[in-house]
Amino acid sequence: MMLHIRNKIGKEYSLLYDKGYRNEIVEEGLLFSSLTCSHPEVGLIFNFSIEKGVLSIAVTTKELLEKKVSFDFFYILKVLYPERRFEEIKELSYQEEVAANLLKVEELFSEKQICNTIEKLTSAIKQYSKERFT
């Protein structure tokens, strides 16, 4: 049975399409499917993937993607909610958080803030690795 990622993302993340995001690349398979959704003017790219039934979201820009850099939405939520513990962030609904924070995420990846955002994301990744493996 195919995963039909286009339908799932189209329904659950319809806000992105309402705000001008468009599908660029769609790969659908039995165990893995992915969809790349971007906004031509904002420059933000959402990479959705479903592997073995688990949805992951990575966020990047065209410039970062050229360097093969993207950031898991989990760490973006940590930057948005620095006071929350990682265990609390794991419990959040990505669908609700994308809807509630789309403008903030777009701002984090704007030309003006991208360097600061990358520093904060790198710090969050290191912090999580330290907590996870200690």
N, C-alpha and C. Protein backbone atom coordinates (compact mmCIF):
# COMPACT_ATOMS: atom_id res chain seq x y z
N MET A 1 0.84 -1.19 0.00
CA MET A 1 0.00 0.00 0.00
C MET A 1 0.89 1.25 0.00
N MET A 2 0.64 2.15 -0.92
CA MET A 2 1.42 3.38 -0.99
C MET A 2 0.97 4.33 0.12
N LEU A 3 1.84 5.24 0.47
CA LEU A 3 1.59 6.13 1.60
C LEU A 3 0.79 7.38 1.25
N HIS A 4 0.74 7.76 -0.02
CA HIS A 4 -0.02 8.92 -0.48
C HIS A 4 0.30 10.18 0.31
N ILE A 5 1.56 10.50 0.34
CA ILE A 5 2.03 11.65 1.11
C ILE A 5 1.41 12.95 0.62
N ARG A 6 1.20 13.07 -0.67
CA ARG A 6 0.61 14.30 -1.22
C ARG A 6 -0.75 14.59 -0.58
N ASN A 7 -1.57 13.57 -0.45
CA ASN A 7 -2.90 13.75 0.15
C ASN A 7 -2.79 14.05 1.64
N LYS A 8 -1.94 13.32 2.34
CA LYS A 8 -1.78 13.51 3.79
C LYS A 8 -1.29 14.93 4.11
N ILE A 9 -0.23 15.36 3.45
CA ILE A 9 0.32 16.70 3.71
C ILE A 9 -0.64 17.77 3.23
N GLY A 10 -1.26 17.54 2.09
CA GLY A 10 -2.24 18.50 1.56
C GLY A 10 -3.39 18.75 2.53
N LYS A 11 -3.80 17.70 3.22
CA LYS A 11 -4.91 17.83 4.16
C LYS A 11 -4.43 18.39 5.51
N GLU A 12 -3.38 17.80 6.07
CA GLU A 12 -2.93 18.17 7.41
C GLU A 12 -2.18 19.50 7.47
N TYR A 13 -1.58 19.89 6.37
CA TYR A 13 -0.79 21.13 6.34
C TYR A 13 -1.33 22.07 5.26
N SER A 14 -2.64 22.11 5.11
CA SER A 14 -3.27 22.94 4.09
C SER A 14 -2.94 24.42 4.25
N LEU A 15 -2.64 24.83 5.48
CA LEU A 15 -2.27 26.23 5.73
C LEU A 15 -1.08 26.65 4.85
N LEU A 16 -0.12 25.75 4.67
CA LEU A 16 1.04 26.08 3.83
C LEU A 16 0.60 26.43 2.40
N TYR A 17 -0.31 25.64 1.86
CA TYR A 17 -0.78 25.88 0.50
C TYR A 17 -1.61 27.16 0.43
N ASP A 18 -2.38 27.41 1.49
CA ASP A 18 -3.17 28.65 1.56
C ASP A 18 -2.26 29.88 1.57
N LYS A 19 -1.04 29.72 2.11
CA LYS A 19 -0.09 30.83 2.23
C LYS A 19 0.86 30.92 1.04
N GLY A 20 0.64 30.13 0.00
CA GLY A 20 1.44 30.24 -1.22
C GLY A 20 2.53 29.20 -1.40
N TYR A 21 2.63 28.24 -0.50
CA TYR A 21 3.61 27.16 -0.66
C TYR A 21 3.12 26.20 -1.73
N ARG A 22 4.06 25.61 -2.48
CA ARG A 22 3.72 24.69 -3.56
C ARG A 22 4.62 23.46 -3.51
N ASN A 23 4.06 22.33 -3.94
CA ASN A 23 4.85 21.11 -4.02
C ASN A 23 5.88 21.24 -5.13
N GLU A 24 7.09 20.79 -4.86
CA GLU A 24 8.14 20.77 -5.87
C GLU A 24 8.48 19.35 -6.27
N ILE A 25 8.76 18.51 -5.27
CA ILE A 25 9.17 17.14 -5.54
C ILE A 25 8.31 16.21 -4.68
N VAL A 26 7.77 15.18 -5.31
CA VAL A 26 6.99 14.19 -4.58
C VAL A 26 7.50 12.81 -4.96
N GLU A 27 7.87 12.04 -3.95
CA GLU A 27 8.27 10.64 -4.15
C GLU A 27 7.38 9.79 -3.28
N GLU A 28 6.70 8.82 -3.89
CA GLU A 28 5.83 7.96 -3.10
C GLU A 28 6.25 6.51 -3.29
N GLY A 29 6.39 5.82 -2.16
CA GLY A 29 6.77 4.42 -2.20
C GLY A 29 6.08 3.64 -1.11
N LEU A 30 6.43 2.37 -1.02
CA LEU A 30 5.80 1.50 -0.03
C LEU A 30 6.27 1.79 1.40
N LEU A 31 7.57 1.98 1.60
CA LEU A 31 8.10 2.19 2.94
C LEU A 31 8.54 3.63 3.20
N PHE A 32 8.81 4.37 2.14
CA PHE A 32 9.31 5.74 2.29
C PHE A 32 8.67 6.64 1.25
N SER A 33 8.19 7.78 1.69
CA SER A 33 7.65 8.80 0.79
C SER A 33 8.15 10.15 1.24
N SER A 34 8.34 11.06 0.29
CA SER A 34 8.75 12.41 0.66
C SER A 34 8.09 13.44 -0.23
N LEU A 35 7.98 14.63 0.31
CA LEU A 35 7.37 15.74 -0.41
C LEU A 35 8.13 17.01 -0.03
N THR A 36 8.53 17.75 -1.03
CA THR A 36 9.21 19.03 -0.81
C THR A 36 8.23 20.13 -1.18
N CYS A 37 8.02 21.03 -0.25
CA CYS A 37 7.04 22.11 -0.39
C CYS A 37 7.77 23.43 -0.13
N SER A 38 7.69 24.36 -1.09
CA SER A 38 8.44 25.61 -0.90
C SER A 38 7.59 26.82 -1.27
N HIS A 39 8.07 27.96 -0.81
CA HIS A 39 7.43 29.24 -1.13
C HIS A 39 8.43 30.05 -1.94
N PRO A 40 8.10 30.37 -3.20
CA PRO A 40 9.07 31.06 -4.07
C PRO A 40 9.51 32.43 -3.57
N GLU A 41 8.63 33.17 -2.92
CA GLU A 41 9.00 34.51 -2.46
C GLU A 41 9.65 34.51 -1.08
N VAL A 42 9.13 33.69 -0.18
CA VAL A 42 9.67 33.62 1.18
C VAL A 42 11.01 32.90 1.18
N GLY A 43 11.14 31.87 0.33
CA GLY A 43 12.39 31.14 0.23
C GLY A 43 12.52 29.98 1.19
N LEU A 44 11.46 29.70 1.94
CA LEU A 44 11.50 28.61 2.91
C LEU A 44 11.07 27.31 2.25
N ILE A 45 11.71 26.22 2.64
CA ILE A 45 11.40 24.90 2.08
C ILE A 45 11.10 23.94 3.23
N PHE A 46 9.96 23.27 3.15
CA PHE A 46 9.61 22.21 4.08
C PHE A 46 9.80 20.88 3.37
N ASN A 47 10.58 20.00 3.97
CA ASN A 47 10.75 18.64 3.45
C ASN A 47 10.02 17.69 4.38
N PHE A 48 8.93 17.12 3.89
CA PHE A 48 8.16 16.15 4.66
C PHE A 48 8.59 14.76 4.21
N SER A 49 8.77 13.86 5.16
CA SER A 49 9.03 12.47 4.79
C SER A 49 8.28 11.56 5.74
N ILE A 50 7.86 10.45 5.18
CA ILE A 50 7.20 9.42 5.99
C ILE A 50 7.97 8.13 5.75
N GLU A 51 8.51 7.61 6.85
CA GLU A 51 9.22 6.34 6.76
C GLU A 51 8.63 5.40 7.79
N LYS A 52 8.16 4.26 7.31
CA LYS A 52 7.53 3.26 8.18
C LYS A 52 6.42 3.89 9.02
N GLY A 53 5.66 4.80 8.42
CA GLY A 53 4.52 5.40 9.07
C GLY A 53 4.80 6.60 9.96
N VAL A 54 6.08 6.98 10.10
CA VAL A 54 6.45 8.10 10.98
C VAL A 54 6.77 9.33 10.13
N LEU A 55 6.09 10.43 10.43
CA LEU A 55 6.30 11.68 9.71
C LEU A 55 7.45 12.48 10.30
N SER A 56 8.32 12.97 9.44
CA SER A 56 9.40 13.88 9.84
C SER A 56 9.30 15.13 8.99
N ILE A 57 9.69 16.26 9.58
CA ILE A 57 9.71 17.52 8.84
C ILE A 57 11.08 18.15 9.03
N ALA A 58 11.70 18.52 7.91
CA ALA A 58 12.94 19.28 7.94
C ALA A 58 12.69 20.60 7.23
N VAL A 59 13.36 21.64 7.69
CA VAL A 59 13.17 22.97 7.13
C VAL A 59 14.53 23.48 6.64
N THR A 60 14.51 24.15 5.51
CA THR A 60 15.74 24.69 4.93
C THR A 60 15.40 25.86 4.02
N THR A 61 16.41 26.39 3.37
CA THR A 61 16.25 27.41 2.35
C THR A 61 17.01 26.93 1.12
N LYS A 62 16.83 27.58 0.00
CA LYS A 62 17.53 27.18 -1.22
C LYS A 62 19.05 27.23 -1.01
N GLU A 63 19.52 28.29 -0.35
CA GLU A 63 20.95 28.45 -0.12
C GLU A 63 21.51 27.36 0.79
N LEU A 64 20.78 27.04 1.86
CA LEU A 64 21.22 25.98 2.77
C LEU A 64 21.15 24.62 2.10
N LEU A 65 20.12 24.41 1.28
CA LEU A 65 19.96 23.14 0.59
C LEU A 65 21.11 22.88 -0.37
N GLU A 66 21.61 23.93 -1.00
CA GLU A 66 22.77 23.80 -1.89
C GLU A 66 23.98 23.28 -1.12
N LYS A 67 24.03 23.58 0.18
CA LYS A 67 25.12 23.10 1.05
C LYS A 67 24.72 21.80 1.75
N LYS A 68 23.55 21.25 1.34
CA LYS A 68 23.01 20.02 1.92
C LYS A 68 22.73 20.16 3.43
N VAL A 69 22.19 21.32 3.81
CA VAL A 69 21.88 21.60 5.21
C VAL A 69 20.37 21.81 5.36
N SER A 70 19.81 21.09 6.31
CA SER A 70 18.41 21.32 6.69
C SER A 70 18.31 21.02 8.19
N PHE A 71 17.24 21.47 8.79
CA PHE A 71 17.07 21.32 10.23
C PHE A 71 15.74 20.65 10.55
N ASP A 72 15.80 19.65 11.41
CA ASP A 72 14.60 18.96 11.84
C ASP A 72 13.70 19.95 12.58
N PHE A 73 12.40 19.87 12.31
CA PHE A 73 11.44 20.78 12.93
C PHE A 73 11.47 20.68 14.46
N PHE A 74 11.85 19.54 14.98
CA PHE A 74 11.99 19.32 16.42
C PHE A 74 12.92 20.38 17.02
N TYR A 75 14.06 20.64 16.37
CA TYR A 75 15.02 21.63 16.89
C TYR A 75 14.52 23.06 16.68
N ILE A 76 13.77 23.27 15.63
CA ILE A 76 13.18 24.59 15.40
C ILE A 76 12.20 24.90 16.53
N LEU A 77 11.45 23.90 16.96
CA LEU A 77 10.54 24.11 18.09
C LEU A 77 11.30 24.43 19.36
N LYS A 78 12.47 23.83 19.55
CA LYS A 78 13.30 24.15 20.73
C LYS A 78 13.76 25.60 20.69
N VAL A 79 14.08 26.09 19.49
CA VAL A 79 14.47 27.50 19.35
C VAL A 79 13.27 28.41 19.64
N LEU A 80 12.10 28.01 19.19
CA LEU A 80 10.89 28.80 19.44
C LEU A 80 10.46 28.75 20.91
N TYR A 81 10.73 27.63 21.56
CA TYR A 81 10.33 27.43 22.96
C TYR A 81 11.57 27.05 23.79
N PRO A 82 12.52 27.95 23.98
CA PRO A 82 13.76 27.60 24.69
C PRO A 82 13.53 27.16 26.14
N GLU A 83 12.42 27.59 26.73
CA GLU A 83 12.16 27.26 28.12
C GLU A 83 11.62 25.83 28.28
N ARG A 84 11.18 25.21 27.20
CA ARG A 84 10.60 23.86 27.29
C ARG A 84 11.69 22.80 27.22
N ARG A 85 11.43 21.71 27.94
CA ARG A 85 12.35 20.57 27.89
C ARG A 85 12.11 19.79 26.59
N PHE A 86 13.11 19.06 26.16
CA PHE A 86 12.98 18.29 24.92
C PHE A 86 11.83 17.29 25.02
N GLU A 87 11.63 16.71 26.20
CA GLU A 87 10.53 15.75 26.38
C GLU A 87 9.18 16.41 26.12
N GLU A 88 9.05 17.68 26.49
CA GLU A 88 7.80 18.41 26.25
C GLU A 88 7.64 18.68 24.76
N ILE A 89 8.73 19.00 24.10
CA ILE A 89 8.68 19.31 22.67
C ILE A 89 8.28 18.07 21.87
N LYS A 90 8.73 16.90 22.29
CA LYS A 90 8.36 15.66 21.61
C LYS A 90 6.85 15.44 21.59
N GLU A 91 6.17 15.96 22.58
CA GLU A 91 4.73 15.75 22.71
C GLU A 91 3.90 16.74 21.86
N LEU A 92 4.54 17.76 21.31
CA LEU A 92 3.80 18.76 20.55
C LEU A 92 3.35 18.21 19.20
N SER A 93 2.26 18.71 18.71
CA SER A 93 1.74 18.34 17.39
C SER A 93 2.40 19.22 16.33
N TYR A 94 3.16 18.60 15.43
CA TYR A 94 3.81 19.37 14.37
C TYR A 94 2.78 20.11 13.53
N GLN A 95 1.66 19.47 13.27
CA GLN A 95 0.61 20.11 12.47
C GLN A 95 0.15 21.41 13.13
N GLU A 96 -0.12 21.36 14.42
CA GLU A 96 -0.57 22.56 15.14
C GLU A 96 0.55 23.60 15.23
N GLU A 97 1.78 23.15 15.43
CA GLU A 97 2.90 24.08 15.59
C GLU A 97 3.25 24.78 14.28
N VAL A 98 3.17 24.08 13.16
CA VAL A 98 3.40 24.73 11.87
C VAL A 98 2.34 25.81 11.66
N ALA A 99 1.10 25.48 11.95
CA ALA A 99 0.01 26.45 11.78
C ALA A 99 0.19 27.66 12.70
N ALA A 100 0.56 27.42 13.95
CA ALA A 100 0.66 28.50 14.93
C ALA A 100 1.91 29.35 14.73
N ASN A 101 2.98 28.77 14.18
CA ASN A 101 4.28 29.45 14.14
C ASN A 101 4.86 29.67 12.76
N LEU A 102 4.07 29.53 11.72
CA LEU A 102 4.61 29.65 10.36
C LEU A 102 5.33 30.97 10.15
N LEU A 103 4.73 32.06 10.56
CA LEU A 103 5.37 33.37 10.37
C LEU A 103 6.67 33.48 11.16
N LYS A 104 6.69 32.92 12.37
CA LYS A 104 7.92 32.94 13.19
C LYS A 104 9.01 32.11 12.54
N VAL A 105 8.64 30.96 11.98
CA VAL A 105 9.62 30.10 11.32
C VAL A 105 10.17 30.81 10.08
N GLU A 106 9.29 31.43 9.32
CA GLU A 106 9.73 32.19 8.14
C GLU A 106 10.71 33.29 8.55
N GLU A 107 10.42 33.95 9.67
CA GLU A 107 11.30 35.01 10.16
C GLU A 107 12.65 34.44 10.61
N LEU A 108 12.63 33.29 11.29
CA LEU A 108 13.88 32.66 11.72
C LEU A 108 14.81 32.39 10.54
N PHE A 109 14.24 32.05 9.39
CA PHE A 109 15.04 31.71 8.23
C PHE A 109 15.19 32.87 7.23
N SER A 110 14.80 34.06 7.67
CA SER A 110 14.96 35.24 6.81
C SER A 110 16.44 35.61 6.73
N GLU A 111 16.80 36.34 5.70
CA GLU A 111 18.20 36.77 5.52
C GLU A 111 18.72 37.48 6.75
N LYS A 112 17.85 38.26 7.37
CA LYS A 112 18.23 39.05 8.53
C LYS A 112 18.60 38.19 9.74
N GLN A 113 17.93 37.05 9.91
CA GLN A 113 18.11 36.25 11.13
C GLN A 113 18.78 34.90 10.92
N ILE A 114 19.04 34.51 9.68
CA ILE A 114 19.49 33.14 9.41
C ILE A 114 20.76 32.76 10.18
N CYS A 115 21.72 33.64 10.26
CA CYS A 115 22.98 33.29 10.97
C CYS A 115 22.72 33.04 12.45
N ASN A 116 21.95 33.90 13.08
CA ASN A 116 21.59 33.72 14.48
C ASN A 116 20.78 32.45 14.69
N THR A 117 19.88 32.17 13.75
CA THR A 117 19.05 30.97 13.83
C THR A 117 19.91 29.72 13.76
N ILE A 118 20.87 29.70 12.84
CA ILE A 118 21.74 28.53 12.69
C ILE A 118 22.54 28.31 13.98
N GLU A 119 23.01 29.38 14.60
CA GLU A 119 23.72 29.25 15.87
C GLU A 119 22.82 28.63 16.94
N LYS A 120 21.58 29.11 17.04
CA LYS A 120 20.65 28.59 18.04
C LYS A 120 20.29 27.13 17.76
N LEU A 121 20.09 26.80 16.47
CA LEU A 121 19.77 25.42 16.12
C LEU A 121 20.94 24.48 16.41
N THR A 122 22.14 24.92 16.10
CA THR A 122 23.34 24.12 16.37
C THR A 122 23.47 23.88 17.88
N SER A 123 23.21 24.90 18.66
CA SER A 123 23.26 24.77 20.11
C SER A 123 22.20 23.79 20.61
N ALA A 124 21.00 23.87 20.06
CA ALA A 124 19.91 22.96 20.46
C ALA A 124 20.26 21.52 20.11
N ILE A 125 20.85 21.31 18.95
CA ILE A 125 21.24 19.96 18.53
C ILE A 125 22.30 19.40 19.48
N LYS A 126 23.28 20.22 19.83
CA LYS A 126 24.33 19.78 20.76
C LYS A 126 23.74 19.48 22.13
N GLN A 127 22.84 20.35 22.59
CA GLN A 127 22.20 20.17 23.89
C GLN A 127 21.42 18.86 23.92
N TYR A 128 20.67 18.59 22.87
CA TYR A 128 19.86 17.37 22.82
C TYR A 128 20.77 16.13 22.79
N SER A 129 21.83 16.19 22.01
CA SER A 129 22.76 15.06 21.95
C SER A 129 23.38 14.80 23.32
N LYS A 130 23.73 15.86 24.00
CA LYS A 130 24.34 15.74 25.33
C LYS A 130 23.34 15.09 26.31
N GLU A 131 22.10 15.57 26.30
CA GLU A 131 21.08 15.03 27.20
C GLU A 131 20.72 13.59 26.84
N ARG A 132 20.66 13.32 25.57
CA ARG A 132 20.22 12.01 25.09
C ARG A 132 21.25 10.92 25.39
N PHE A 133 22.51 11.28 25.29
CA PHE A 133 23.56 10.28 25.42
C PHE A 133 24.31 10.38 26.73
N THR A 134 23.75 11.08 27.72
CA THR A 134 24.41 11.19 29.02
C THR A 134 23.66 10.38 30.05
